[in-house]
Each structure stands twice: as C-alpha cells, then as structure tokens.
Amino acid sequence: MSPEEMATLHAAAFTQSRPWSADEFASLVSSPLCFAVGDTTCFALIRVIADEAELLTIATHPEHIRHGLAFLCMQNWQEQARLRGATKAFLEVADDNAPALALYAKCGFKHCGTRRAYYSRSPLPPVDAIVMQSTFAQR
C-alpha cells in the first residue's frame, strides 16, 4: 500500500479526528522499525522496537466495517511483530470507541493505563485514551 492510499483510507475511517497525511505515512513506512499489513479496505501500521510492538493506527474503510477485516489485520500484524522479536504489544484507543475496544479485547489486549484528555475533538471536549497491552505467546 502506498502512503497516499493509506492517507485516503485513514481520512475515510477517521472522521472525528485529524487523519494522517501521506507525508506522515511515508515518513513512518520509510523506517525499518515500521511495517504495514492489509490493503485498501483495511490496514494497520505497526512499529517494533526491541521486544515491544506498538499499533500506530488501524483503519477500515466505512464500506467494509463489520466484515472481520480488522480482526484479520490484528492477527496478521501481531504474528509479524512476534516474528520480528516482539514479546508484547501496546496500543491506545479513544475511550468512546466501543467497536475498537471490543476488537482489541477479542484480540487479547487488556487495559493498562489511561491518558486523560488525550484526543482533541474540538469543538467537543477532549476524550481520554485507553492504553492496552497484550503479551505474545512464545512458540
């Protein structure tokens, strides 16, 4: 997937917050620490540093939600991160994003912290970020 395709999908999926630009995606995917999985209907961008993986973003096109694509993306990136040496993973999610919270719980992530007023939603009040963690089973 190109950075432009990522930015287009991200903009379609993130209507309540500022979507990331193609330049931001290009900068991230140019790093040897980052990788993406998925396609133009659903993708995830991940960074692995030492033994920790971080889900930077995941986006599903609104026309393709509730088809299991994000769950498959989650499984795929976690396996690839494990193969890159990660033993645990972190992510953050807006505390009002019930579908994402359910997805992450289904994938084995547990609440490990809160970042108060992390997401700006002007003119609405900011929203807390829930930090979640998962440990990868060793094979």
N, C-alpha and C. Protein backbone atom coordinates (compact mmCIF):
# COMPACT_ATOMS: atom_id res chain seq x y z
N MET A 1 0.84 -1.18 0.00
CA MET A 1 0.00 0.00 0.00
C MET A 1 0.88 1.24 0.00
N SER A 2 0.52 2.19 -0.78
CA SER A 2 1.28 3.43 -0.84
C SER A 2 0.87 4.36 0.32
N PRO A 3 1.73 5.31 0.68
CA PRO A 3 1.35 6.29 1.70
C PRO A 3 0.10 7.09 1.30
N GLU A 4 -0.07 7.34 0.01
CA GLU A 4 -1.26 8.06 -0.46
C GLU A 4 -2.52 7.23 -0.22
N GLU A 5 -2.46 5.92 -0.51
CA GLU A 5 -3.60 5.05 -0.27
C GLU A 5 -3.91 4.95 1.22
N MET A 6 -2.86 4.88 2.04
CA MET A 6 -3.07 4.85 3.49
C MET A 6 -3.76 6.13 3.96
N ALA A 7 -3.30 7.26 3.47
CA ALA A 7 -3.89 8.55 3.88
C ALA A 7 -5.35 8.64 3.44
N THR A 8 -5.66 8.17 2.25
CA THR A 8 -7.05 8.21 1.76
C THR A 8 -7.95 7.35 2.64
N LEU A 9 -7.52 6.13 2.94
CA LEU A 9 -8.31 5.24 3.78
C LEU A 9 -8.42 5.80 5.20
N HIS A 10 -7.32 6.31 5.72
CA HIS A 10 -7.34 6.88 7.07
C HIS A 10 -8.34 8.03 7.16
N ALA A 11 -8.37 8.88 6.14
CA ALA A 11 -9.32 10.01 6.13
C ALA A 11 -10.76 9.51 6.09
N ALA A 12 -11.02 8.44 5.35
CA ALA A 12 -12.38 7.90 5.29
C ALA A 12 -12.80 7.28 6.62
N ALA A 13 -11.83 6.69 7.33
CA ALA A 13 -12.14 5.99 8.57
C ALA A 13 -12.17 6.90 9.80
N PHE A 14 -11.37 7.97 9.79
CA PHE A 14 -11.25 8.84 10.95
C PHE A 14 -11.90 10.18 10.68
N THR A 15 -13.21 10.23 10.85
CA THR A 15 -13.95 11.45 10.55
C THR A 15 -14.08 12.37 11.77
N GLN A 16 -13.83 11.85 12.98
CA GLN A 16 -13.95 12.67 14.19
C GLN A 16 -12.62 13.25 14.65
N SER A 17 -11.55 12.88 14.00
CA SER A 17 -10.23 13.39 14.38
C SER A 17 -9.43 13.68 13.12
N ARG A 18 -8.29 14.31 13.29
CA ARG A 18 -7.46 14.67 12.14
C ARG A 18 -6.83 13.42 11.55
N PRO A 19 -7.12 13.14 10.28
CA PRO A 19 -6.47 11.99 9.65
C PRO A 19 -5.00 12.29 9.37
N TRP A 20 -4.22 11.25 9.23
CA TRP A 20 -2.80 11.41 8.95
C TRP A 20 -2.60 11.68 7.47
N SER A 21 -1.58 12.44 7.14
CA SER A 21 -1.28 12.79 5.76
C SER A 21 -0.42 11.73 5.09
N ALA A 22 -0.36 11.79 3.77
CA ALA A 22 0.50 10.88 3.02
C ALA A 22 1.96 11.07 3.43
N ASP A 23 2.37 12.31 3.69
CA ASP A 23 3.74 12.56 4.13
C ASP A 23 4.02 11.90 5.48
N GLU A 24 3.06 11.96 6.39
CA GLU A 24 3.24 11.31 7.69
C GLU A 24 3.38 9.80 7.52
N PHE A 25 2.52 9.21 6.67
CA PHE A 25 2.63 7.77 6.43
C PHE A 25 3.96 7.43 5.75
N ALA A 26 4.37 8.24 4.79
CA ALA A 26 5.64 8.00 4.08
C ALA A 26 6.80 8.01 5.06
N SER A 27 6.80 8.95 5.97
CA SER A 27 7.86 9.04 6.96
C SER A 27 7.90 7.78 7.83
N LEU A 28 6.75 7.32 8.26
CA LEU A 28 6.69 6.13 9.11
C LEU A 28 7.10 4.86 8.36
N VAL A 29 6.55 4.65 7.17
CA VAL A 29 6.85 3.40 6.46
C VAL A 29 8.29 3.37 5.94
N SER A 30 8.95 4.52 5.90
CA SER A 30 10.35 4.52 5.47
C SER A 30 11.29 4.03 6.57
N SER A 31 10.79 3.94 7.79
CA SER A 31 11.59 3.46 8.91
C SER A 31 11.68 1.94 8.89
N PRO A 32 12.87 1.39 9.12
CA PRO A 32 12.98 -0.08 9.20
C PRO A 32 12.27 -0.66 10.42
N LEU A 33 11.87 0.20 11.35
CA LEU A 33 11.17 -0.26 12.55
C LEU A 33 9.67 -0.41 12.33
N CYS A 34 9.16 0.14 11.23
CA CYS A 34 7.71 0.13 10.97
C CYS A 34 7.37 -0.80 9.82
N PHE A 35 6.16 -1.33 9.89
CA PHE A 35 5.63 -2.11 8.78
C PHE A 35 4.12 -1.99 8.77
N ALA A 36 3.55 -2.27 7.61
CA ALA A 36 2.09 -2.22 7.45
C ALA A 36 1.60 -3.58 6.97
N VAL A 37 0.37 -3.88 7.33
CA VAL A 37 -0.33 -5.06 6.83
C VAL A 37 -1.69 -4.61 6.32
N GLY A 38 -2.26 -5.36 5.41
CA GLY A 38 -3.59 -5.07 4.91
C GLY A 38 -3.59 -4.54 3.50
N ASP A 39 -4.72 -3.92 3.14
CA ASP A 39 -4.91 -3.43 1.79
C ASP A 39 -5.78 -2.17 1.83
N THR A 40 -6.31 -1.77 0.71
CA THR A 40 -7.06 -0.52 0.63
C THR A 40 -8.44 -0.59 1.29
N THR A 41 -8.83 -1.73 1.80
CA THR A 41 -10.09 -1.82 2.56
C THR A 41 -9.84 -1.77 4.07
N CYS A 42 -8.67 -2.25 4.50
CA CYS A 42 -8.32 -2.26 5.91
C CYS A 42 -6.82 -2.45 6.03
N PHE A 43 -6.18 -1.61 6.84
CA PHE A 43 -4.75 -1.77 7.05
C PHE A 43 -4.39 -1.39 8.48
N ALA A 44 -3.22 -1.85 8.90
CA ALA A 44 -2.66 -1.49 10.20
C ALA A 44 -1.20 -1.09 9.99
N LEU A 45 -0.75 -0.14 10.78
CA LEU A 45 0.64 0.31 10.75
C LEU A 45 1.23 0.07 12.14
N ILE A 46 2.39 -0.59 12.17
CA ILE A 46 2.97 -1.05 13.42
C ILE A 46 4.43 -0.63 13.49
N ARG A 47 4.90 -0.40 14.71
CA ARG A 47 6.33 -0.15 14.94
C ARG A 47 6.81 -1.17 15.97
N VAL A 48 7.96 -1.79 15.68
CA VAL A 48 8.57 -2.73 16.61
C VAL A 48 9.94 -2.18 17.01
N ILE A 49 10.10 -1.97 18.31
CA ILE A 49 11.38 -1.53 18.86
C ILE A 49 11.74 -2.52 19.97
N ALA A 50 12.92 -3.14 19.81
CA ALA A 50 13.37 -4.17 20.74
C ALA A 50 12.29 -5.26 20.82
N ASP A 51 11.76 -5.52 22.01
CA ASP A 51 10.76 -6.59 22.15
C ASP A 51 9.34 -6.05 22.27
N GLU A 52 9.12 -4.76 21.92
CA GLU A 52 7.80 -4.17 22.03
C GLU A 52 7.26 -3.74 20.67
N ALA A 53 6.01 -4.11 20.43
CA ALA A 53 5.30 -3.67 19.22
C ALA A 53 4.26 -2.64 19.64
N GLU A 54 4.07 -1.68 18.76
CA GLU A 54 3.05 -0.66 19.01
C GLU A 54 2.17 -0.53 17.77
N LEU A 55 0.88 -0.69 17.97
CA LEU A 55 -0.06 -0.43 16.89
C LEU A 55 -0.20 1.07 16.77
N LEU A 56 0.32 1.63 15.68
CA LEU A 56 0.26 3.08 15.49
C LEU A 56 -1.11 3.52 15.01
N THR A 57 -1.69 2.77 14.09
CA THR A 57 -3.05 3.04 13.63
C THR A 57 -3.59 1.81 12.92
N ILE A 58 -4.88 1.70 12.93
CA ILE A 58 -5.58 0.69 12.14
C ILE A 58 -6.83 1.38 11.58
N ALA A 59 -7.13 1.12 10.32
CA ALA A 59 -8.26 1.79 9.68
C ALA A 59 -8.99 0.82 8.76
N THR A 60 -10.29 0.84 8.85
CA THR A 60 -11.14 0.07 7.95
C THR A 60 -12.04 1.05 7.20
N HIS A 61 -12.11 0.88 5.90
CA HIS A 61 -12.99 1.76 5.11
C HIS A 61 -14.42 1.56 5.59
N PRO A 62 -15.19 2.65 5.75
CA PRO A 62 -16.56 2.54 6.25
C PRO A 62 -17.44 1.57 5.47
N GLU A 63 -17.19 1.40 4.19
CA GLU A 63 -17.99 0.45 3.39
C GLU A 63 -17.66 -1.01 3.70
N HIS A 64 -16.60 -1.25 4.49
CA HIS A 64 -16.15 -2.61 4.75
C HIS A 64 -16.11 -2.97 6.23
N ILE A 65 -16.72 -2.14 7.08
CA ILE A 65 -16.72 -2.47 8.51
C ILE A 65 -17.66 -3.64 8.77
N ARG A 66 -17.38 -4.32 9.87
CA ARG A 66 -18.16 -5.48 10.33
C ARG A 66 -18.05 -6.69 9.40
N HIS A 67 -16.93 -6.79 8.67
CA HIS A 67 -16.68 -7.96 7.81
C HIS A 67 -15.52 -8.79 8.34
N GLY A 68 -15.00 -8.45 9.51
CA GLY A 68 -13.89 -9.21 10.11
C GLY A 68 -12.51 -8.80 9.61
N LEU A 69 -12.43 -7.75 8.79
CA LEU A 69 -11.13 -7.36 8.22
C LEU A 69 -10.17 -6.84 9.29
N ALA A 70 -10.66 -6.05 10.22
CA ALA A 70 -9.78 -5.52 11.27
C ALA A 70 -9.26 -6.65 12.16
N PHE A 71 -10.10 -7.63 12.46
CA PHE A 71 -9.66 -8.77 13.26
C PHE A 71 -8.54 -9.52 12.53
N LEU A 72 -8.71 -9.75 11.24
CA LEU A 72 -7.66 -10.42 10.46
C LEU A 72 -6.38 -9.60 10.42
N CYS A 73 -6.52 -8.30 10.26
CA CYS A 73 -5.35 -7.40 10.28
C CYS A 73 -4.64 -7.50 11.63
N MET A 74 -5.41 -7.50 12.71
CA MET A 74 -4.83 -7.59 14.04
C MET A 74 -4.04 -8.89 14.20
N GLN A 75 -4.61 -9.99 13.77
CA GLN A 75 -3.91 -11.27 13.86
C GLN A 75 -2.63 -11.25 13.03
N ASN A 76 -2.72 -10.70 11.83
CA ASN A 76 -1.59 -10.66 10.92
C ASN A 76 -0.44 -9.84 11.49
N TRP A 77 -0.72 -8.62 11.94
CA TRP A 77 0.38 -7.79 12.42
C TRP A 77 0.99 -8.34 13.69
N GLN A 78 0.17 -8.93 14.55
CA GLN A 78 0.73 -9.49 15.78
C GLN A 78 1.70 -10.64 15.48
N GLU A 79 1.34 -11.47 14.52
CA GLU A 79 2.23 -12.57 14.13
C GLU A 79 3.52 -12.02 13.51
N GLN A 80 3.40 -11.04 12.65
CA GLN A 80 4.60 -10.45 12.04
C GLN A 80 5.47 -9.76 13.09
N ALA A 81 4.85 -9.10 14.05
CA ALA A 81 5.62 -8.45 15.12
C ALA A 81 6.35 -9.49 15.96
N ARG A 82 5.68 -10.58 16.25
CA ARG A 82 6.31 -11.67 17.01
C ARG A 82 7.52 -12.20 16.26
N LEU A 83 7.38 -12.37 14.94
CA LEU A 83 8.50 -12.85 14.13
C LEU A 83 9.66 -11.86 14.09
N ARG A 84 9.37 -10.59 14.36
CA ARG A 84 10.41 -9.55 14.42
C ARG A 84 11.00 -9.42 15.82
N GLY A 85 10.59 -10.28 16.73
CA GLY A 85 11.17 -10.28 18.07
C GLY A 85 10.32 -9.67 19.17
N ALA A 86 9.14 -9.19 18.86
CA ALA A 86 8.28 -8.60 19.88
C ALA A 86 7.70 -9.68 20.78
N THR A 87 7.67 -9.40 22.07
CA THR A 87 7.06 -10.30 23.04
C THR A 87 5.80 -9.70 23.65
N LYS A 88 5.60 -8.40 23.42
CA LYS A 88 4.40 -7.73 23.92
C LYS A 88 4.03 -6.61 22.95
N ALA A 89 2.80 -6.17 23.08
CA ALA A 89 2.30 -5.12 22.20
C ALA A 89 1.47 -4.13 22.99
N PHE A 90 1.49 -2.89 22.50
CA PHE A 90 0.72 -1.81 23.10
C PHE A 90 -0.09 -1.11 22.03
N LEU A 91 -1.15 -0.46 22.46
CA LEU A 91 -1.95 0.40 21.58
C LEU A 91 -2.69 1.38 22.46
N GLU A 92 -3.24 2.39 21.83
CA GLU A 92 -4.12 3.31 22.55
C GLU A 92 -5.35 3.53 21.70
N VAL A 93 -6.45 3.79 22.38
CA VAL A 93 -7.73 3.93 21.71
C VAL A 93 -8.59 4.92 22.50
N ALA A 94 -9.39 5.70 21.78
CA ALA A 94 -10.30 6.62 22.45
C ALA A 94 -11.29 5.84 23.30
N ASP A 95 -11.51 6.32 24.52
CA ASP A 95 -12.38 5.56 25.43
C ASP A 95 -13.84 5.52 25.00
N ASP A 96 -14.20 6.32 23.99
CA ASP A 96 -15.57 6.26 23.48
C ASP A 96 -15.69 5.44 22.20
N ASN A 97 -14.63 4.74 21.83
CA ASN A 97 -14.64 3.93 20.61
C ASN A 97 -14.96 2.48 20.97
N ALA A 98 -16.22 2.22 21.26
CA ALA A 98 -16.66 0.90 21.71
C ALA A 98 -16.32 -0.23 20.72
N PRO A 99 -16.51 -0.05 19.40
CA PRO A 99 -16.16 -1.14 18.48
C PRO A 99 -14.67 -1.50 18.54
N ALA A 100 -13.80 -0.50 18.62
CA ALA A 100 -12.36 -0.77 18.69
C ALA A 100 -12.00 -1.44 20.02
N LEU A 101 -12.58 -0.95 21.11
CA LEU A 101 -12.31 -1.57 22.41
C LEU A 101 -12.71 -3.03 22.41
N ALA A 102 -13.85 -3.35 21.80
CA ALA A 102 -14.30 -4.75 21.72
C ALA A 102 -13.34 -5.57 20.86
N LEU A 103 -12.91 -5.01 19.74
CA LEU A 103 -11.96 -5.72 18.88
C LEU A 103 -10.67 -6.02 19.63
N TYR A 104 -10.12 -5.02 20.30
CA TYR A 104 -8.84 -5.22 20.99
C TYR A 104 -8.99 -6.23 22.13
N ALA A 105 -10.09 -6.19 22.85
CA ALA A 105 -10.33 -7.18 23.91
C ALA A 105 -10.41 -8.58 23.31
N LYS A 106 -11.09 -8.71 22.18
CA LYS A 106 -11.21 -10.00 21.50
C LYS A 106 -9.83 -10.52 21.08
N CYS A 107 -8.91 -9.60 20.81
CA CYS A 107 -7.56 -9.96 20.39
C CYS A 107 -6.60 -10.14 21.58
N GLY A 108 -7.13 -10.08 22.80
CA GLY A 108 -6.32 -10.36 23.97
C GLY A 108 -5.68 -9.15 24.64
N PHE A 109 -6.03 -7.94 24.22
CA PHE A 109 -5.47 -6.74 24.83
C PHE A 109 -6.25 -6.40 26.10
N LYS A 110 -5.50 -5.91 27.10
CA LYS A 110 -6.10 -5.54 28.38
C LYS A 110 -5.72 -4.10 28.71
N HIS A 111 -6.62 -3.40 29.38
CA HIS A 111 -6.42 -2.01 29.81
C HIS A 111 -5.24 -1.97 30.79
N CYS A 112 -4.26 -1.10 30.50
CA CYS A 112 -3.12 -0.97 31.41
C CYS A 112 -2.85 0.49 31.79
N GLY A 113 -3.62 1.42 31.26
CA GLY A 113 -3.41 2.82 31.61
C GLY A 113 -4.39 3.73 30.91
N THR A 114 -4.42 4.99 31.34
CA THR A 114 -5.30 5.98 30.76
C THR A 114 -4.52 7.27 30.56
N ARG A 115 -4.69 7.88 29.41
CA ARG A 115 -4.12 9.21 29.14
C ARG A 115 -5.29 10.18 29.11
N ARG A 116 -5.40 10.97 30.14
CA ARG A 116 -6.54 11.87 30.30
C ARG A 116 -6.55 12.95 29.21
N ALA A 117 -7.75 13.17 28.64
CA ALA A 117 -7.97 14.25 27.66
C ALA A 117 -6.96 14.20 26.52
N TYR A 118 -6.64 13.02 26.05
CA TYR A 118 -5.58 12.82 25.06
C TYR A 118 -6.01 13.21 23.64
N TYR A 119 -7.24 12.86 23.27
CA TYR A 119 -7.71 13.12 21.91
C TYR A 119 -8.52 14.41 21.87
N SER A 120 -8.07 15.34 21.06
CA SER A 120 -8.79 16.60 20.88
C SER A 120 -9.95 16.37 19.93
N ARG A 121 -11.11 16.87 20.30
CA ARG A 121 -12.31 16.72 19.47
C ARG A 121 -13.02 18.05 19.34
N SER A 122 -12.27 19.09 19.14
CA SER A 122 -12.83 20.44 19.06
C SER A 122 -13.94 20.50 18.01
N PRO A 123 -15.06 21.08 18.32
CA PRO A 123 -15.39 21.89 19.49
C PRO A 123 -15.87 21.07 20.68
N LEU A 124 -15.90 19.77 20.57
CA LEU A 124 -16.32 18.92 21.69
C LEU A 124 -15.19 18.80 22.70
N PRO A 125 -15.50 18.36 23.92
CA PRO A 125 -14.44 18.17 24.92
C PRO A 125 -13.48 17.06 24.48
N PRO A 126 -12.24 17.10 24.95
CA PRO A 126 -11.28 16.04 24.62
C PRO A 126 -11.72 14.70 25.22
N VAL A 127 -11.17 13.64 24.67
CA VAL A 127 -11.53 12.27 25.07
C VAL A 127 -10.28 11.58 25.60
N ASP A 128 -10.45 10.78 26.65
CA ASP A 128 -9.34 10.01 27.20
C ASP A 128 -8.89 8.93 26.22
N ALA A 129 -7.61 8.58 26.30
CA ALA A 129 -7.07 7.44 25.56
C ALA A 129 -6.90 6.29 26.55
N ILE A 130 -7.36 5.14 26.16
CA ILE A 130 -7.15 3.92 26.93
C ILE A 130 -5.91 3.24 26.35
N VAL A 131 -4.92 2.97 27.19
CA VAL A 131 -3.72 2.25 26.77
C VAL A 131 -3.96 0.78 27.08
N MET A 132 -3.68 -0.07 26.09
CA MET A 132 -3.91 -1.50 26.24
C MET A 132 -2.64 -2.26 25.90
N GLN A 133 -2.48 -3.43 26.51
CA GLN A 133 -1.29 -4.25 26.31
C GLN A 133 -1.69 -5.70 26.11
N SER A 134 -0.87 -6.40 25.33
CA SER A 134 -1.03 -7.84 25.14
C SER A 134 0.37 -8.45 25.16
N THR A 135 0.45 -9.65 25.66
CA THR A 135 1.71 -10.40 25.64
C THR A 135 1.57 -11.53 24.63
N PHE A 136 2.59 -11.69 23.80
CA PHE A 136 2.54 -12.73 22.78
C PHE A 136 2.98 -14.06 23.36
N ALA A 137 2.24 -15.10 23.02
CA ALA A 137 2.62 -16.45 23.43
C ALA A 137 3.89 -16.85 22.67
N GLN A 138 4.82 -17.43 23.39
CA GLN A 138 6.06 -17.88 22.74
C GLN A 138 5.83 -19.21 22.06
N ARG A 139 6.41 -19.33 20.87
CA ARG A 139 6.25 -20.58 20.12
C ARG A 139 7.56 -21.29 19.99
